[in-house]
Every structure is written in structure tokens, then in C-alpha cells.
Amino acid sequence: MSHAQRQRGITLIGLLFWGTIVAMLVILGMQVVPDWQEAMSVQHAVDVAAKSAQTVGGIRTKFDKMAEVDYINSISGKDLSITKVNGSVVVSYAYSKEIHLVGPAYLLLKFSGKSH
């Protein structure tokens, strides 16, 4: 076998290409993960507020207190939709977040849910 046939590996151009792709995915993930964690905190706060309080004002106050502790900035108690279904309280919410990518490009994340 000649020397050229035994050599295997990645070229410098290939390394730069894949390195750029991986770096872009890491940067995007670093921007999306905090918003996803906040959405999980919102869902938890909605569940706790719906179970612990029975009045509309009580649910909103409980959510606002939990939002302050859990650093929830995207939604507040006044943004919650509170209804009664078959005698139980159902709290629902919906909001969106924009993440600036580059130039005029944005990533839009839409979050919604209801109490369990």
C-alpha cells in the first residue's frame, strides 16, 4: 500500500466546517436553554397556584410570589387565564419569546400550557 492510501482523517477545511457548525449549535443552545428552564418554572408555578388558591385574586397573587422567587420575568399573574371546568380550577397561559440570532433573523419560541 502506498503512503497516500493509508492516510485517513479530517482535512483542515472539514475541521473548520464542522467546528463552525458545532459552535453555532452550542451558542443557540446557550440562548434557548434558559428560556426552556423558565417555561418549566412557569408550569410548576401555575400548577402550585391552581392547587393552593381557589379565588382568581389568590391564584394570581400566589403565581406572582412564586414568579419572584423563581425569577420568572416573561409572564405575570395578570396574564393567566383562569376558568372552572367541572368544578375544578384550570389555569392556562401562553406567551412567546424572541431570541436575536444575527442581523434581522430571530428565533421565536412560543410557550403555552395549563394546570394539571
N, C-alpha and C. Protein backbone atom coordinates (compact mmCIF):
# COMPACT_ATOMS: atom_id res chain seq x y z
N MET A 1 0.85 -1.19 0.00
CA MET A 1 0.00 0.00 0.00
C MET A 1 0.88 1.24 0.00
N SER A 2 0.48 2.19 -0.79
CA SER A 2 1.26 3.43 -0.82
C SER A 2 0.89 4.31 0.37
N HIS A 3 1.73 5.29 0.60
CA HIS A 3 1.56 6.19 1.75
C HIS A 3 0.23 6.95 1.68
N ALA A 4 -0.18 7.37 0.49
CA ALA A 4 -1.42 8.15 0.33
C ALA A 4 -2.66 7.32 0.61
N GLN A 5 -2.61 6.02 0.35
CA GLN A 5 -3.78 5.19 0.58
C GLN A 5 -3.98 4.88 2.06
N ARG A 6 -2.93 4.88 2.86
CA ARG A 6 -3.05 4.55 4.28
C ARG A 6 -3.49 5.74 5.13
N GLN A 7 -3.33 6.93 4.64
CA GLN A 7 -3.68 8.11 5.44
C GLN A 7 -5.20 8.30 5.47
N ARG A 8 -5.70 8.51 6.65
CA ARG A 8 -7.13 8.78 6.84
C ARG A 8 -7.25 9.90 7.86
N GLY A 9 -8.35 10.59 7.83
CA GLY A 9 -8.56 11.65 8.81
C GLY A 9 -9.37 12.77 8.22
N ILE A 10 -9.38 13.87 8.92
CA ILE A 10 -10.18 15.03 8.52
C ILE A 10 -9.25 16.13 8.03
N THR A 11 -9.70 16.84 7.02
CA THR A 11 -8.89 17.93 6.50
C THR A 11 -9.10 19.19 7.34
N LEU A 12 -8.25 20.15 7.16
CA LEU A 12 -8.38 21.41 7.88
C LEU A 12 -9.70 22.10 7.53
N ILE A 13 -10.08 22.09 6.27
CA ILE A 13 -11.35 22.71 5.84
C ILE A 13 -12.53 21.97 6.50
N GLY A 14 -12.46 20.65 6.53
CA GLY A 14 -13.53 19.88 7.18
C GLY A 14 -13.61 20.17 8.66
N LEU A 15 -12.45 20.28 9.30
CA LEU A 15 -12.41 20.60 10.73
C LEU A 15 -13.02 21.97 11.00
N LEU A 16 -12.68 22.96 10.18
CA LEU A 16 -13.25 24.30 10.35
C LEU A 16 -14.76 24.30 10.10
N PHE A 17 -15.19 23.56 9.08
CA PHE A 17 -16.62 23.50 8.77
C PHE A 17 -17.40 22.90 9.94
N TRP A 18 -17.00 21.73 10.40
CA TRP A 18 -17.72 21.07 11.49
C TRP A 18 -17.56 21.82 12.81
N GLY A 19 -16.41 22.43 13.02
CA GLY A 19 -16.22 23.25 14.22
C GLY A 19 -17.17 24.44 14.24
N THR A 20 -17.38 25.06 13.09
CA THR A 20 -18.31 26.19 12.98
C THR A 20 -19.74 25.73 13.24
N ILE A 21 -20.14 24.60 12.69
CA ILE A 21 -21.49 24.08 12.90
C ILE A 21 -21.72 23.78 14.38
N VAL A 22 -20.77 23.11 15.01
CA VAL A 22 -20.89 22.78 16.43
C VAL A 22 -20.94 24.04 17.29
N ALA A 23 -20.11 25.02 16.97
CA ALA A 23 -20.09 26.28 17.73
C ALA A 23 -21.43 27.01 17.60
N MET A 24 -22.00 27.02 16.42
CA MET A 24 -23.30 27.69 16.23
C MET A 24 -24.40 26.98 17.02
N LEU A 25 -24.38 25.65 17.05
CA LEU A 25 -25.38 24.91 17.83
C LEU A 25 -25.21 25.14 19.33
N VAL A 26 -23.98 25.23 19.79
CA VAL A 26 -23.72 25.49 21.21
C VAL A 26 -24.22 26.88 21.59
N ILE A 27 -23.94 27.86 20.75
CA ILE A 27 -24.39 29.24 21.03
C ILE A 27 -25.92 29.31 21.04
N LEU A 28 -26.56 28.64 20.09
CA LEU A 28 -28.02 28.61 20.05
C LEU A 28 -28.58 27.93 21.30
N GLY A 29 -27.98 26.83 21.68
CA GLY A 29 -28.42 26.12 22.88
C GLY A 29 -28.26 26.96 24.13
N MET A 30 -27.19 27.73 24.21
CA MET A 30 -26.96 28.59 25.38
C MET A 30 -28.01 29.68 25.47
N GLN A 31 -28.63 30.03 24.36
CA GLN A 31 -29.68 31.05 24.38
C GLN A 31 -31.06 30.44 24.62
N VAL A 32 -31.27 29.21 24.18
CA VAL A 32 -32.59 28.59 24.28
C VAL A 32 -32.81 27.93 25.66
N VAL A 33 -31.79 27.32 26.23
CA VAL A 33 -31.93 26.57 27.48
C VAL A 33 -32.48 27.43 28.62
N PRO A 34 -32.02 28.65 28.85
CA PRO A 34 -32.61 29.45 29.94
C PRO A 34 -34.11 29.72 29.75
N ASP A 35 -34.53 29.95 28.51
CA ASP A 35 -35.96 30.18 28.26
C ASP A 35 -36.76 28.90 28.49
N TRP A 36 -36.19 27.76 28.12
CA TRP A 36 -36.87 26.49 28.36
C TRP A 36 -36.98 26.23 29.87
N GLN A 37 -35.92 26.53 30.62
CA GLN A 37 -35.97 26.36 32.08
C GLN A 37 -37.01 27.29 32.70
N GLU A 38 -37.10 28.50 32.18
CA GLU A 38 -38.11 29.42 32.69
C GLU A 38 -39.52 28.90 32.39
N ALA A 39 -39.70 28.29 31.23
CA ALA A 39 -41.01 27.72 30.89
C ALA A 39 -41.38 26.58 31.84
N MET A 40 -40.40 25.80 32.24
CA MET A 40 -40.67 24.72 33.20
C MET A 40 -41.03 25.32 34.57
N SER A 41 -40.38 26.41 34.94
CA SER A 41 -40.71 27.10 36.20
C SER A 41 -42.12 27.70 36.15
N VAL A 42 -42.50 28.23 34.99
CA VAL A 42 -43.85 28.78 34.83
C VAL A 42 -44.88 27.68 35.02
N GLN A 43 -44.64 26.52 34.40
CA GLN A 43 -45.59 25.41 34.52
C GLN A 43 -45.72 24.96 35.98
N HIS A 44 -44.60 24.88 36.67
CA HIS A 44 -44.63 24.48 38.09
C HIS A 44 -45.39 25.51 38.92
N ALA A 45 -45.13 26.79 38.68
CA ALA A 45 -45.81 27.85 39.44
C ALA A 45 -47.31 27.84 39.16
N VAL A 46 -47.70 27.59 37.92
CA VAL A 46 -49.13 27.53 37.57
C VAL A 46 -49.79 26.36 38.29
N ASP A 47 -49.12 25.20 38.30
CA ASP A 47 -49.69 24.03 38.98
C ASP A 47 -49.87 24.29 40.47
N VAL A 48 -48.87 24.86 41.11
CA VAL A 48 -48.94 25.13 42.55
C VAL A 48 -50.01 26.18 42.84
N ALA A 49 -50.07 27.24 42.05
CA ALA A 49 -51.05 28.30 42.28
C ALA A 49 -52.47 27.78 42.10
N ALA A 50 -52.67 26.92 41.11
CA ALA A 50 -54.02 26.39 40.87
C ALA A 50 -54.48 25.48 42.00
N LYS A 51 -53.56 24.75 42.62
CA LYS A 51 -53.92 23.82 43.69
C LYS A 51 -54.05 24.51 45.04
N SER A 52 -53.30 25.58 45.27
CA SER A 52 -53.26 26.16 46.61
C SER A 52 -54.29 27.26 46.84
N ALA A 53 -54.75 27.92 45.81
CA ALA A 53 -55.69 29.02 45.98
C ALA A 53 -56.96 28.73 45.17
N GLN A 54 -58.09 29.24 45.64
CA GLN A 54 -59.37 28.97 44.97
C GLN A 54 -59.99 30.22 44.34
N THR A 55 -59.50 31.40 44.68
CA THR A 55 -60.04 32.61 44.08
C THR A 55 -59.11 33.10 42.98
N VAL A 56 -59.66 33.87 42.07
CA VAL A 56 -58.86 34.39 40.96
C VAL A 56 -57.72 35.26 41.50
N GLY A 57 -58.03 36.14 42.42
CA GLY A 57 -57.00 37.00 43.01
C GLY A 57 -55.96 36.20 43.77
N GLY A 58 -56.40 35.17 44.48
CA GLY A 58 -55.47 34.33 45.22
C GLY A 58 -54.52 33.58 44.31
N ILE A 59 -55.04 33.08 43.19
CA ILE A 59 -54.20 32.36 42.23
C ILE A 59 -53.16 33.30 41.63
N ARG A 60 -53.60 34.49 41.25
CA ARG A 60 -52.66 35.45 40.65
C ARG A 60 -51.60 35.91 41.65
N THR A 61 -52.01 36.13 42.89
CA THR A 61 -51.05 36.54 43.93
C THR A 61 -50.05 35.43 44.20
N LYS A 62 -50.53 34.20 44.32
CA LYS A 62 -49.64 33.06 44.56
C LYS A 62 -48.66 32.89 43.40
N PHE A 63 -49.14 33.02 42.16
CA PHE A 63 -48.25 32.91 41.00
C PHE A 63 -47.19 34.01 41.02
N ASP A 64 -47.61 35.24 41.32
CA ASP A 64 -46.65 36.36 41.35
C ASP A 64 -45.58 36.15 42.41
N LYS A 65 -45.96 35.61 43.56
CA LYS A 65 -44.97 35.33 44.61
C LYS A 65 -43.99 34.25 44.17
N MET A 66 -44.50 33.20 43.53
CA MET A 66 -43.62 32.15 43.05
C MET A 66 -42.75 32.64 41.89
N ALA A 67 -43.30 33.52 41.07
CA ALA A 67 -42.53 34.07 39.95
C ALA A 67 -41.36 34.91 40.45
N GLU A 68 -41.57 35.61 41.54
CA GLU A 68 -40.49 36.42 42.11
C GLU A 68 -39.37 35.54 42.64
N VAL A 69 -39.73 34.44 43.27
CA VAL A 69 -38.73 33.52 43.83
C VAL A 69 -37.99 32.77 42.72
N ASP A 70 -38.72 32.36 41.67
CA ASP A 70 -38.14 31.54 40.60
C ASP A 70 -37.60 32.36 39.44
N TYR A 71 -37.54 33.67 39.56
CA TYR A 71 -37.00 34.56 38.52
C TYR A 71 -37.75 34.41 37.20
N ILE A 72 -39.07 34.41 37.27
CA ILE A 72 -39.90 34.36 36.07
C ILE A 72 -40.20 35.80 35.66
N ASN A 73 -39.73 36.19 34.47
CA ASN A 73 -39.92 37.56 34.00
C ASN A 73 -40.83 37.66 32.79
N SER A 74 -41.12 36.54 32.14
CA SER A 74 -41.84 36.57 30.87
C SER A 74 -43.35 36.69 31.01
N ILE A 75 -43.87 36.35 32.17
CA ILE A 75 -45.31 36.32 32.36
C ILE A 75 -45.61 36.68 33.82
N SER A 76 -46.76 37.27 34.05
CA SER A 76 -47.14 37.62 35.42
C SER A 76 -48.53 37.07 35.70
N GLY A 77 -48.98 37.24 36.91
CA GLY A 77 -50.28 36.74 37.32
C GLY A 77 -51.43 37.32 36.51
N LYS A 78 -51.31 38.55 36.08
CA LYS A 78 -52.40 39.16 35.30
C LYS A 78 -52.52 38.57 33.89
N ASP A 79 -51.48 37.86 33.43
CA ASP A 79 -51.51 37.24 32.11
C ASP A 79 -52.14 35.85 32.11
N LEU A 80 -52.47 35.32 33.27
CA LEU A 80 -53.05 33.99 33.38
C LEU A 80 -54.53 34.02 33.03
N SER A 81 -55.00 32.95 32.40
CA SER A 81 -56.42 32.77 32.12
C SER A 81 -56.95 31.72 33.10
N ILE A 82 -57.90 32.13 33.93
CA ILE A 82 -58.38 31.26 35.00
C ILE A 82 -59.85 30.94 34.75
N THR A 83 -60.17 29.64 34.66
CA THR A 83 -61.54 29.19 34.43
C THR A 83 -61.86 28.03 35.36
N LYS A 84 -63.14 27.68 35.43
CA LYS A 84 -63.57 26.49 36.18
C LYS A 84 -64.12 25.49 35.18
N VAL A 85 -63.62 24.26 35.28
CA VAL A 85 -64.09 23.17 34.41
C VAL A 85 -64.49 22.01 35.31
N ASN A 86 -65.76 21.64 35.26
CA ASN A 86 -66.29 20.54 36.08
C ASN A 86 -65.97 20.73 37.57
N GLY A 87 -66.06 21.94 38.03
CA GLY A 87 -65.85 22.22 39.44
C GLY A 87 -64.40 22.38 39.87
N SER A 88 -63.46 22.21 38.97
CA SER A 88 -62.05 22.40 39.34
C SER A 88 -61.48 23.60 38.60
N VAL A 89 -60.52 24.26 39.22
CA VAL A 89 -59.91 25.45 38.66
C VAL A 89 -58.86 25.04 37.63
N VAL A 90 -58.93 25.66 36.45
CA VAL A 90 -57.94 25.42 35.39
C VAL A 90 -57.28 26.76 35.07
N VAL A 91 -55.97 26.79 35.22
CA VAL A 91 -55.19 27.99 34.94
C VAL A 91 -54.39 27.72 33.67
N SER A 92 -54.56 28.58 32.67
CA SER A 92 -53.82 28.41 31.42
C SER A 92 -53.03 29.68 31.12
N TYR A 93 -52.01 29.52 30.28
CA TYR A 93 -51.14 30.64 29.93
C TYR A 93 -50.60 30.43 28.53
N ALA A 94 -50.15 31.51 27.92
CA ALA A 94 -49.48 31.46 26.62
C ALA A 94 -48.63 32.72 26.50
N TYR A 95 -47.40 32.55 26.06
CA TYR A 95 -46.52 33.68 25.82
C TYR A 95 -45.45 33.27 24.83
N SER A 96 -44.75 34.24 24.29
CA SER A 96 -43.69 33.95 23.33
C SER A 96 -42.43 34.74 23.68
N LYS A 97 -41.31 34.20 23.25
CA LYS A 97 -40.00 34.86 23.47
C LYS A 97 -39.28 34.92 22.13
N GLU A 98 -38.62 36.04 21.87
CA GLU A 98 -37.80 36.19 20.67
C GLU A 98 -36.34 36.16 21.07
N ILE A 99 -35.55 35.40 20.32
CA ILE A 99 -34.11 35.34 20.54
C ILE A 99 -33.44 35.87 19.28
N HIS A 100 -32.66 36.93 19.43
CA HIS A 100 -31.97 37.51 18.29
C HIS A 100 -30.83 36.59 17.88
N LEU A 101 -30.81 36.21 16.61
CA LEU A 101 -29.75 35.34 16.11
C LEU A 101 -28.64 36.17 15.47
N VAL A 102 -28.93 36.72 14.31
CA VAL A 102 -27.94 37.55 13.60
C VAL A 102 -28.69 38.45 12.62
N GLY A 103 -28.27 39.71 12.55
CA GLY A 103 -28.91 40.65 11.63
C GLY A 103 -30.41 40.73 11.89
N PRO A 104 -31.22 40.54 10.84
CA PRO A 104 -32.67 40.60 11.02
C PRO A 104 -33.30 39.27 11.39
N ALA A 105 -32.51 38.25 11.69
CA ALA A 105 -33.03 36.91 11.98
C ALA A 105 -33.28 36.74 13.48
N TYR A 106 -34.45 36.23 13.80
CA TYR A 106 -34.85 35.95 15.18
C TYR A 106 -35.39 34.54 15.26
N LEU A 107 -35.26 33.94 16.42
CA LEU A 107 -35.87 32.65 16.71
C LEU A 107 -37.05 32.93 17.64
N LEU A 108 -38.25 32.50 17.25
CA LEU A 108 -39.45 32.74 18.05
C LEU A 108 -39.81 31.46 18.77
N LEU A 109 -39.88 31.54 20.09
CA LEU A 109 -40.29 30.41 20.91
C LEU A 109 -41.67 30.73 21.48
N LYS A 110 -42.62 29.83 21.30
CA LYS A 110 -43.97 30.01 21.83
C LYS A 110 -44.21 28.98 22.91
N PHE A 111 -44.61 29.44 24.08
CA PHE A 111 -44.88 28.58 25.21
C PHE A 111 -46.35 28.70 25.60
N SER A 112 -46.97 27.58 25.92
CA SER A 112 -48.35 27.59 26.41
C SER A 112 -48.56 26.35 27.24
N GLY A 113 -49.55 26.41 28.10
CA GLY A 113 -49.85 25.26 28.94
C GLY A 113 -51.01 25.57 29.85
N LYS A 114 -51.36 24.56 30.65
CA LYS A 114 -52.44 24.74 31.63
C LYS A 114 -52.14 23.87 32.83
N SER A 115 -52.82 24.18 33.91
CA SER A 115 -52.57 23.44 35.16
C SER A 115 -53.07 22.00 35.02
N HIS A 116 -52.44 21.14 35.76
CA HIS A 116 -52.80 19.72 35.72
C HIS A 116 -53.74 19.36 36.83
